[in-house]
Every structure is written in C-alpha cells, then in structure tokens.
C-alpha cells in the first residue's frame, strides 16, 4: 500500500469513533434496542460488536507486527454478541472503548515502516493477511456497520412518527 493510501486509511481509522458517536446521538434506550426484525441486531448490539471487533483486530495487528507469521484465529461474532451481553451494554461506554483502543493503537500504526505494514500472519480461514490489510478491514468494518446503524436509526425514528 502506498503512503498516500495508507494515510487515508489511518485518517478514516481515527475518524471512525466520532462518526459512530454521531450516529447514535440522541437515541434513547428503546430506539437503541429496536430491531428491524427478529434475529437482526439492534443498534446497541451492533455497537457492542464493533467494540469486540476492535479488540480482536487490534490484537491481530499487534501480534503480526511483533510476531510475524503467527496464527490468527477466528471469532464467532454471533456467539460474542449473544454470550457477552451485548444487548445490555451501555452504548456510550462501548463507543468509548472503540475510541480508546484506536487512540492507543494509532501510535503504533503511524510508526510502522512500509516493510512492517507488509508483515503477515495466517488467518485460519482467510490465509495470509498483512498488517495493512487488517487495518483496512477493521476500518471498513466500522463504516459498513455505521451504514446499518444509520438505516436502523432512520427506520426507528420513522416508525415513531
């Protein structure tokens, strides 16, 4: 990844938590817990999932930087949401976790050389994956779910009219 593209990824990575906070601003508990249909996550659960993903992806990136070539294990997102009480998590606290992890980890990401960005680990399902690819994936992941949150927000606010 060239330096211009990497800087764009890092900018989006840093801006993600503020975008997430803005997406849930002003929603009450009932709106945060609304589901578009049974079996679909609420906004609260999506935010909790994003915090889980931050933990997992940051671990993966840090592992690959410090210990290239290691195994990167999968996690079952549905079991984490169901088993770790995502439906009860305080949204602002959860967003604060995402923001804190990213503030902490950006210091490492900004200092990596181009060679370090190409260090890879082996994901048990996806195969070899670089630090740069992991960062791009977790950055895109937040924005993917941000779109879901915005759709749910619009639907729940529209249903209250």
C-alpha atoms as a PDB file:
ATOM      1  CA  UNK A   1       0.000   0.000   0.000  1.00  0.00           C
ATOM      2  CA  UNK A   2       1.465   3.369  -0.951  1.00  0.00           C
ATOM      3  CA  UNK A   3       1.897   6.063   1.685  1.00  0.00           C
ATOM      4  CA  UNK A   4      -0.968   8.217   0.376  1.00  0.00           C
ATOM      5  CA  UNK A   5      -3.432   5.313   0.551  1.00  0.00           C
ATOM      6  CA  UNK A   6      -2.112   4.327   3.988  1.00  0.00           C
ATOM      7  CA  UNK A   7      -2.582   7.882   5.293  1.00  0.00           C
ATOM      8  CA  UNK A   8      -6.188   7.816   4.043  1.00  0.00           C
ATOM      9  CA  UNK A   9      -6.807   4.522   5.861  1.00  0.00           C
ATOM     10  CA  UNK A  10      -5.338   5.969   9.049  1.00  0.00           C
ATOM     11  CA  UNK A  11      -7.471   9.101   8.771  1.00  0.00           C
ATOM     12  CA  UNK A  12     -10.649   7.035   8.367  1.00  0.00           C
ATOM     13  CA  UNK A  13      -9.489   4.758  11.192  1.00  0.00           C
ATOM     14  CA  UNK A  14      -9.090   7.760  13.516  1.00  0.00           C
ATOM     15  CA  UNK A  15     -12.397   9.369  12.467  1.00  0.00           C
ATOM     16  CA  UNK A  16     -14.455   6.201  12.959  1.00  0.00           C
ATOM     17  CA  UNK A  17     -15.293   6.579  16.657  1.00  0.00           C
ATOM     18  CA  UNK A  18     -16.568  10.160  16.205  1.00  0.00           C
ATOM     19  CA  UNK A  19     -18.749   9.034  13.291  1.00  0.00           C
ATOM     20  CA  UNK A  20     -20.076   6.192  15.436  1.00  0.00           C
ATOM     21  CA  UNK A  21     -20.868   8.547  18.334  1.00  0.00           C
ATOM     22  CA  UNK A  22     -22.684  10.914  15.967  1.00  0.00           C
ATOM     23  CA  UNK A  23     -24.751   8.054  14.534  1.00  0.00           C
ATOM     24  CA  UNK A  24     -26.254   7.159  17.920  1.00  0.00           C
ATOM     25  CA  UNK A  25     -26.503  10.673  19.350  1.00  0.00           C
ATOM     26  CA  UNK A  26     -29.926  11.480  20.762  1.00  0.00           C
ATOM     27  CA  UNK A  27     -31.268   7.919  20.639  1.00  0.00           C
ATOM     28  CA  UNK A  28     -32.997   6.620  23.760  1.00  0.00           C
ATOM     29  CA  UNK A  29     -32.774   3.067  25.078  1.00  0.00           C
ATOM     30  CA  UNK A  30     -35.894   1.908  23.241  1.00  0.00           C
ATOM     31  CA  UNK A  31     -34.513   3.220  19.957  1.00  0.00           C
ATOM     32  CA  UNK A  32     -31.094   1.662  20.596  1.00  0.00           C
ATOM     33  CA  UNK A  33     -32.781  -1.686  21.309  1.00  0.00           C
ATOM     34  CA  UNK A  34     -35.194  -1.646  18.340  1.00  0.00           C
ATOM     35  CA  UNK A  35     -34.735  -4.494  15.845  1.00  0.00           C
ATOM     36  CA  UNK A  36     -35.753  -4.318  12.193  1.00  0.00           C
ATOM     37  CA  UNK A  37     -36.975  -7.922  12.563  1.00  0.00           C
ATOM     38  CA  UNK A  38     -36.349 -10.888  14.853  1.00  0.00           C
ATOM     39  CA  UNK A  39     -32.837 -12.264  14.602  1.00  0.00           C
ATOM     40  CA  UNK A  40     -31.298  -8.960  13.474  1.00  0.00           C
ATOM     41  CA  UNK A  41     -29.064  -6.976  15.766  1.00  0.00           C
ATOM     42  CA  UNK A  42     -30.197  -3.776  17.428  1.00  0.00           C
ATOM     43  CA  UNK A  43     -28.098  -0.630  17.224  1.00  0.00           C
ATOM     44  CA  UNK A  44     -26.837  -1.367  20.761  1.00  0.00           C
ATOM     45  CA  UNK A  45     -25.718  -4.848  19.668  1.00  0.00           C
ATOM     46  CA  UNK A  46     -24.023  -3.510  16.542  1.00  0.00           C
ATOM     47  CA  UNK A  47     -22.048  -1.035  18.655  1.00  0.00           C
ATOM     48  CA  UNK A  48     -21.035  -3.812  21.064  1.00  0.00           C
ATOM     49  CA  UNK A  49     -19.990  -5.956  18.103  1.00  0.00           C
ATOM     50  CA  UNK A  50     -17.817  -3.094  16.870  1.00  0.00           C
ATOM     51  CA  UNK A  51     -16.049  -2.968  20.238  1.00  0.00           C
ATOM     52  CA  UNK A  52     -15.492  -6.735  20.097  1.00  0.00           C
ATOM     53  CA  UNK A  53     -14.097  -6.407  16.575  1.00  0.00           C
ATOM     54  CA  UNK A  54     -11.735  -3.637  17.715  1.00  0.00           C
ATOM     55  CA  UNK A  55     -10.364  -5.892  20.427  1.00  0.00           C
ATOM     56  CA  UNK A  56      -9.886  -8.805  18.022  1.00  0.00           C
ATOM     57  CA  UNK A  57      -8.433  -6.834  15.110  1.00  0.00           C
ATOM     58  CA  UNK A  58      -6.122  -4.770  17.285  1.00  0.00           C
ATOM     59  CA  UNK A  59      -4.802  -7.966  18.818  1.00  0.00           C
ATOM     60  CA  UNK A  60      -4.291  -9.423  15.338  1.00  0.00           C
ATOM     61  CA  UNK A  61      -2.442  -6.348  14.075  1.00  0.00           C
ATOM     62  CA  UNK A  62      -0.236  -6.100  17.138  1.00  0.00           C
ATOM     63  CA  UNK A  63       0.513  -9.822  17.018  1.00  0.00           C
ATOM     64  CA  UNK A  64       1.562  -9.639  13.370  1.00  0.00           C
ATOM     65  CA  UNK A  65       3.747  -6.583  13.962  1.00  0.00           C
ATOM     66  CA  UNK A  66       5.519  -8.157  16.940  1.00  0.00           C
ATOM     67  CA  UNK A  67       5.316 -11.837  15.937  1.00  0.00           C
ATOM     68  CA  UNK A  68       5.017 -12.130  12.137  1.00  0.00           C
ATOM     69  CA  UNK A  69       3.843 -15.439  10.759  1.00  0.00           C
ATOM     70  CA  UNK A  70       1.619 -16.398  13.674  1.00  0.00           C
ATOM     71  CA  UNK A  71      -1.836 -17.929  13.533  1.00  0.00           C
ATOM     72  CA  UNK A  72      -4.774 -15.527  13.658  1.00  0.00           C
ATOM     73  CA  UNK A  73      -7.853 -17.249  14.994  1.00  0.00           C
ATOM     74  CA  UNK A  74     -11.456 -16.607  14.068  1.00  0.00           C
ATOM     75  CA  UNK A  75     -14.172 -15.423  16.400  1.00  0.00           C
ATOM     76  CA  UNK A  76     -17.889 -16.196  16.164  1.00  0.00           C
ATOM     77  CA  UNK A  77     -19.466 -12.750  16.149  1.00  0.00           C
ATOM     78  CA  UNK A  78     -22.962 -14.029  16.890  1.00  0.00           C
ATOM     79  CA  UNK A  79     -21.794 -16.011  19.907  1.00  0.00           C
ATOM     80  CA  UNK A  80     -19.900 -12.965  21.192  1.00  0.00           C
ATOM     81  CA  UNK A  81     -22.978 -10.755  20.816  1.00  0.00           C
ATOM     82  CA  UNK A  82     -25.249 -13.332  22.455  1.00  0.00           C
ATOM     83  CA  UNK A  83     -22.835 -14.611  25.091  1.00  0.00           C
ATOM     84  CA  UNK A  84     -21.218 -11.353  26.192  1.00  0.00           C
ATOM     85  CA  UNK A  85     -24.422  -9.428  26.984  1.00  0.00           C
ATOM     86  CA  UNK A  86     -24.246  -7.029  24.039  1.00  0.00           C
ATOM     87  CA  UNK A  87     -27.937  -6.230  24.419  1.00  0.00           C
ATOM     88  CA  UNK A  88     -27.205  -4.776  27.865  1.00  0.00           C
ATOM     89  CA  UNK A  89     -24.029  -2.822  27.146  1.00  0.00           C
ATOM     90  CA  UNK A  90     -24.101   0.944  27.742  1.00  0.00           C
ATOM     91  CA  UNK A  91     -23.644   2.411  24.252  1.00  0.00           C
ATOM     92  CA  UNK A  92     -21.570   5.420  25.289  1.00  0.00           C
ATOM     93  CA  UNK A  93     -19.189   3.207  27.280  1.00  0.00           C
ATOM     94  CA  UNK A  94     -18.888   0.847  24.343  1.00  0.00           C
ATOM     95  CA  UNK A  95     -18.087   3.688  21.947  1.00  0.00           C
ATOM     96  CA  UNK A  96     -15.517   4.930  24.454  1.00  0.00           C
ATOM     97  CA  UNK A  97     -13.823   1.515  24.252  1.00  0.00           C
ATOM     98  CA  UNK A  98     -13.604   1.742  20.452  1.00  0.00           C
ATOM     99  CA  UNK A  99     -12.230   5.285  20.691  1.00  0.00           C
ATOM    100  CA  UNK A 100      -9.686   4.376  23.376  1.00  0.00           C
ATOM    101  CA  UNK A 101      -8.418   1.337  21.501  1.00  0.00           C
ATOM    102  CA  UNK A 102      -7.979   3.352  18.334  1.00  0.00           C
ATOM    103  CA  UNK A 103      -6.259   6.239  20.166  1.00  0.00           C
ATOM    104  CA  UNK A 104      -3.912   3.717  21.772  1.00  0.00           C
ATOM    105  CA  UNK A 105      -3.175   1.735  18.618  1.00  0.00           C
ATOM    106  CA  UNK A 106      -2.773   4.674  16.215  1.00  0.00           C
ATOM    107  CA  UNK A 107       0.575   5.432  17.854  1.00  0.00           C
ATOM    108  CA  UNK A 108       1.871   2.059  16.663  1.00  0.00           C
ATOM    109  CA  UNK A 109       0.262   2.267  13.228  1.00  0.00           C
ATOM    110  CA  UNK A 110       1.745   5.697  12.490  1.00  0.00           C
ATOM    111  CA  UNK A 111       5.262   4.461  13.277  1.00  0.00           C
ATOM    112  CA  UNK A 112       5.263   1.360  11.106  1.00  0.00           C
ATOM    113  CA  UNK A 113       7.631   1.236   8.158  1.00  0.00           C
ATOM    114  CA  UNK A 114       6.363   0.125   4.742  1.00  0.00           C
ATOM    115  CA  UNK A 115       8.056  -3.226   5.376  1.00  0.00           C
ATOM    116  CA  UNK A 116       6.295  -3.609   8.732  1.00  0.00           C
ATOM    117  CA  UNK A 117       2.924  -2.936   7.074  1.00  0.00           C
ATOM    118  CA  UNK A 118       3.561  -5.955   4.851  1.00  0.00           C
ATOM    119  CA  UNK A 119       4.276  -8.308   7.745  1.00  0.00           C
ATOM    120  CA  UNK A 120       1.717 -11.073   7.681  1.00  0.00           C
ATOM    121  CA  UNK A 121       0.061 -13.583   9.903  1.00  0.00           C
ATOM    122  CA  UNK A 122      -2.017 -16.542   8.806  1.00  0.00           C
ATOM    123  CA  UNK A 123      -5.735 -16.277   9.424  1.00  0.00           C
ATOM    124  CA  UNK A 124      -7.182 -19.739   9.915  1.00  0.00           C
ATOM    125  CA  UNK A 125      -9.838 -19.142   7.263  1.00  0.00           C
ATOM    126  CA  UNK A 126      -8.500 -16.354   5.017  1.00  0.00           C
ATOM    127  CA  UNK A 127      -4.837 -17.394   4.879  1.00  0.00           C
ATOM    128  CA  UNK A 128      -2.004 -14.827   4.857  1.00  0.00           C
ATOM    129  CA  UNK A 129      -3.041 -11.319   5.836  1.00  0.00           C
ATOM    130  CA  UNK A 130      -0.853  -8.235   6.299  1.00  0.00           C
ATOM    131  CA  UNK A 131      -0.968  -5.538   8.958  1.00  0.00           C
ATOM    132  CA  UNK A 132      -2.099  -3.033   6.314  1.00  0.00           C
ATOM    133  CA  UNK A 133      -4.899  -5.353   5.169  1.00  0.00           C
ATOM    134  CA  UNK A 134      -6.056  -5.927   8.750  1.00  0.00           C
ATOM    135  CA  UNK A 135      -6.173  -2.191   9.417  1.00  0.00           C
ATOM    136  CA  UNK A 136      -8.071  -1.580   6.184  1.00  0.00           C
ATOM    137  CA  UNK A 137     -10.522  -4.346   7.076  1.00  0.00           C
ATOM    138  CA  UNK A 138     -11.296  -3.109  10.606  1.00  0.00           C
ATOM    139  CA  UNK A 139     -11.622   0.451   9.293  1.00  0.00           C
ATOM    140  CA  UNK A 140     -14.051  -0.608   6.552  1.00  0.00           C
ATOM    141  CA  UNK A 141     -15.861  -2.860   9.033  1.00  0.00           C
ATOM    142  CA  UNK A 142     -16.805   0.081  11.244  1.00  0.00           C
ATOM    143  CA  UNK A 143     -18.129   2.084   8.286  1.00  0.00           C
ATOM    144  CA  UNK A 144     -20.062  -0.951   6.997  1.00  0.00           C
ATOM    145  CA  UNK A 145     -21.840  -1.235  10.340  1.00  0.00           C
ATOM    146  CA  UNK A 146     -22.210   2.528  10.559  1.00  0.00           C
ATOM    147  CA  UNK A 147     -24.395   2.318   7.446  1.00  0.00           C
ATOM    148  CA  UNK A 148     -26.518  -0.340   9.190  1.00  0.00           C
ATOM    149  CA  UNK A 149     -26.843   1.877  12.246  1.00  0.00           C
ATOM    150  CA  UNK A 150     -27.936   4.814  10.093  1.00  0.00           C
ATOM    151  CA  UNK A 151     -30.539   2.627   8.347  1.00  0.00           C
ATOM    152  CA  UNK A 152     -31.896   1.395  11.676  1.00  0.00           C
ATOM    153  CA  UNK A 153     -31.872   4.919  13.090  1.00  0.00           C
ATOM    154  CA  UNK A 154     -33.904   6.208  10.149  1.00  0.00           C
ATOM    155  CA  UNK A 155     -36.337   3.284  10.419  1.00  0.00           C
ATOM    156  CA  UNK A 156     -36.873   3.584  14.166  1.00  0.00           C
ATOM    157  CA  UNK A 157     -37.295   7.365  14.009  1.00  0.00           C
ATOM    158  CA  UNK A 158     -39.705   6.996  11.087  1.00  0.00           C
ATOM    159  CA  UNK A 159     -41.723   4.362  12.960  1.00  0.00           C
ATOM    160  CA  UNK A 160     -42.222   6.810  15.866  1.00  0.00           C
ATOM    161  CA  UNK A 161     -43.910   9.463  13.698  1.00  0.00           C
END
